[in-house]
Amino acid sequence: MYLNLLLGGVLYLHLLIDTAFAQCNIEPLAEKGIKNLGNGYTFLKTYPVSGSEGKKYSYIFSQGTHYVIHLSNSSHNSLGVYINMYDSNNRKIASSYNQETNTFYPAISFDCQRTGIYQLEFKFIHTKDYCAAGVLGMRR
């Protein structure tokens, strides 16, 4: 009987945790990011990010195209969420967080010099708000 109660309690706690992460509403964050793209940019994709471990995505970027990725979370300046961008050789080529100055930037921009698959790593630091969106836009 005690084992059943213990297992039931563990299952209930697991469901509570899953529900808490499921509460991340990306839609208003994506809309905020799209509004920040600016004139001349075409919206391409939204990247939902939830959970303390962040999220990784891949995207094929095309040579001769200028890209921007805006970050949005519940804070005014996207504090606590950042993106690292890696090229096809897994070299970091951009980040929206400066570790030396502890400065967060709400976006990164990138002029693609070589068509290829790039990795986008969204991460959280110094926050308990694990809900964010990255919005990708392009301009030729």
Protein backbone atom coordinates (compact mmCIF):
# COMPACT_ATOMS: atom_id res chain seq x y z
CA MET A 1 0.00 0.00 0.00
CA TYR A 2 2.78 2.44 0.92
CA LEU A 3 4.54 1.60 -2.34
CA ASN A 4 1.38 2.44 -4.30
CA LEU A 5 1.08 5.77 -2.48
CA LEU A 6 4.74 6.53 -3.12
CA LEU A 7 4.48 5.64 -6.82
CA GLY A 8 1.28 7.67 -7.14
CA GLY A 9 2.98 10.68 -5.52
CA VAL A 10 5.98 10.41 -7.85
CA LEU A 11 3.68 10.16 -10.88
CA TYR A 12 1.68 13.19 -9.69
CA LEU A 13 4.87 15.23 -9.18
CA HIS A 14 6.09 14.25 -12.65
CA LEU A 15 2.78 15.37 -14.17
CA LEU A 16 2.99 18.69 -12.28
CA ILE A 17 6.47 19.35 -13.64
CA ASP A 18 5.45 18.44 -17.21
CA THR A 19 2.41 20.70 -16.93
CA ALA A 20 4.55 23.59 -15.71
CA PHE A 21 6.80 23.32 -18.77
CA ALA A 22 3.75 22.96 -21.01
CA GLN A 23 2.56 26.39 -19.80
CA CYS A 24 5.13 28.11 -22.04
CA ASN A 25 3.03 30.16 -24.45
CA ILE A 26 5.26 30.86 -27.45
CA GLU A 27 2.71 32.74 -29.56
CA PRO A 28 2.96 36.21 -27.93
CA LEU A 29 6.76 35.87 -27.76
CA ALA A 30 6.91 34.99 -31.46
CA GLU A 31 4.66 37.95 -32.33
CA LYS A 32 6.96 40.24 -30.33
CA GLY A 33 10.00 38.90 -32.22
CA ILE A 34 8.31 39.28 -35.61
CA LYS A 35 7.48 42.93 -34.83
CA ASN A 36 11.14 43.51 -34.03
CA LEU A 37 12.38 42.18 -37.38
CA GLY A 38 12.13 45.61 -38.96
CA ASN A 39 11.51 46.88 -42.46
CA GLY A 40 12.96 44.92 -45.34
CA TYR A 41 13.11 41.60 -43.48
CA THR A 42 11.05 38.58 -44.41
CA PHE A 43 9.90 36.35 -41.55
CA LEU A 44 11.15 32.77 -42.03
CA LYS A 45 10.70 30.73 -38.88
CA THR A 46 9.94 30.70 -35.16
CA TYR A 47 12.02 28.61 -32.77
CA PRO A 48 10.20 27.73 -29.53
CA VAL A 49 12.48 27.30 -26.51
CA SER A 50 11.28 25.95 -23.17
CA GLY A 51 12.86 24.06 -20.32
CA SER A 52 16.02 24.82 -18.39
CA GLU A 53 18.24 22.93 -20.83
CA GLY A 54 17.36 25.18 -23.79
CA LYS A 55 17.07 23.84 -27.32
CA LYS A 56 19.17 23.18 -30.44
CA TYR A 57 18.04 23.57 -34.03
CA SER A 58 19.61 23.33 -37.47
CA TYR A 59 18.95 25.61 -40.43
CA ILE A 60 20.33 25.86 -43.96
CA PHE A 61 21.56 29.40 -44.54
CA SER A 62 22.21 30.64 -48.10
CA GLN A 63 25.25 32.54 -49.29
CA GLY A 64 24.68 36.23 -50.01
CA THR A 65 21.73 36.54 -47.62
CA HIS A 66 21.57 38.67 -44.47
CA TYR A 67 19.82 36.98 -41.53
CA VAL A 68 18.66 38.21 -38.15
CA ILE A 69 17.43 36.20 -35.16
CA HIS A 70 15.46 38.10 -32.53
CA LEU A 71 14.97 36.63 -29.08
CA SER A 72 11.89 37.20 -26.96
CA ASN A 73 10.96 36.19 -23.45
CA SER A 74 8.97 37.81 -20.66
CA SER A 75 11.69 40.37 -19.88
CA HIS A 76 11.96 43.67 -21.73
CA ASN A 77 15.44 43.06 -23.19
CA SER A 78 15.38 39.26 -23.46
CA LEU A 79 17.49 38.96 -20.32
CA GLY A 80 18.36 35.38 -19.43
CA VAL A 81 18.01 33.87 -22.90
CA TYR A 82 20.67 33.83 -25.57
CA ILE A 83 21.68 32.12 -28.79
CA ASN A 84 24.97 30.67 -29.95
CA MET A 85 25.37 30.09 -33.67
CA TYR A 86 27.77 27.48 -35.10
CA ASP A 87 28.90 26.93 -38.69
CA SER A 88 29.07 23.55 -40.44
CA ASN A 89 32.51 22.95 -38.86
CA ASN A 90 30.99 23.47 -35.39
CA ARG A 91 32.84 26.78 -34.86
CA LYS A 92 30.96 29.40 -32.87
CA ILE A 93 30.42 32.35 -35.21
CA ALA A 94 27.96 34.48 -33.22
CA SER A 95 26.42 34.81 -29.78
CA SER A 96 23.86 37.14 -28.26
CA TYR A 97 25.53 36.90 -24.85
CA ASN A 98 28.87 38.44 -23.90
CA GLN A 99 30.15 36.37 -21.02
CA GLU A 100 32.94 38.82 -20.12
CA THR A 101 30.54 41.73 -19.55
CA ASN A 102 27.46 39.63 -18.67
CA THR A 103 25.56 41.47 -21.41
CA PHE A 104 22.56 40.02 -23.23
CA TYR A 105 21.67 41.24 -26.72
CA PRO A 106 18.11 40.77 -28.00
CA ALA A 107 19.26 39.72 -31.49
CA ILE A 108 22.13 38.56 -33.66
CA SER A 109 22.61 39.36 -37.32
CA PHE A 110 24.60 37.35 -39.80
CA ASP A 111 25.78 37.88 -43.38
CA CYS A 112 26.06 34.37 -44.79
CA GLN A 113 29.29 33.90 -46.74
CA ARG A 114 28.84 30.18 -47.39
CA THR A 115 25.71 28.10 -47.93
CA GLY A 116 25.49 25.31 -45.40
CA ILE A 117 23.84 23.82 -42.36
CA TYR A 118 24.25 25.98 -39.27
CA GLN A 119 23.44 25.07 -35.67
CA LEU A 120 21.37 27.38 -33.47
CA GLU A 121 21.75 26.73 -29.76
CA PHE A 122 19.28 28.57 -27.52
CA LYS A 123 20.24 28.66 -23.85
CA PHE A 124 19.17 30.16 -20.54
CA ILE A 125 21.39 31.65 -17.84
CA HIS A 126 20.71 33.72 -14.68
CA THR A 127 16.94 33.18 -14.98
CA LYS A 128 14.12 30.94 -13.87
CA ASP A 129 11.96 31.96 -16.84
CA TYR A 130 12.54 29.04 -19.21
CA CYS A 131 10.16 30.17 -21.93
CA ALA A 132 11.36 32.04 -25.01
CA ALA A 133 11.14 32.26 -28.78
CA GLY A 134 13.68 32.94 -31.47
CA VAL A 135 12.43 34.53 -34.68
CA LEU A 136 14.45 34.18 -37.88
CA GLY A 137 14.20 36.76 -40.65
CA MET A 138 16.12 37.36 -43.87
CA ARG A 139 16.94 40.12 -46.32
CA ARG A 140 18.75 39.79 -49.66
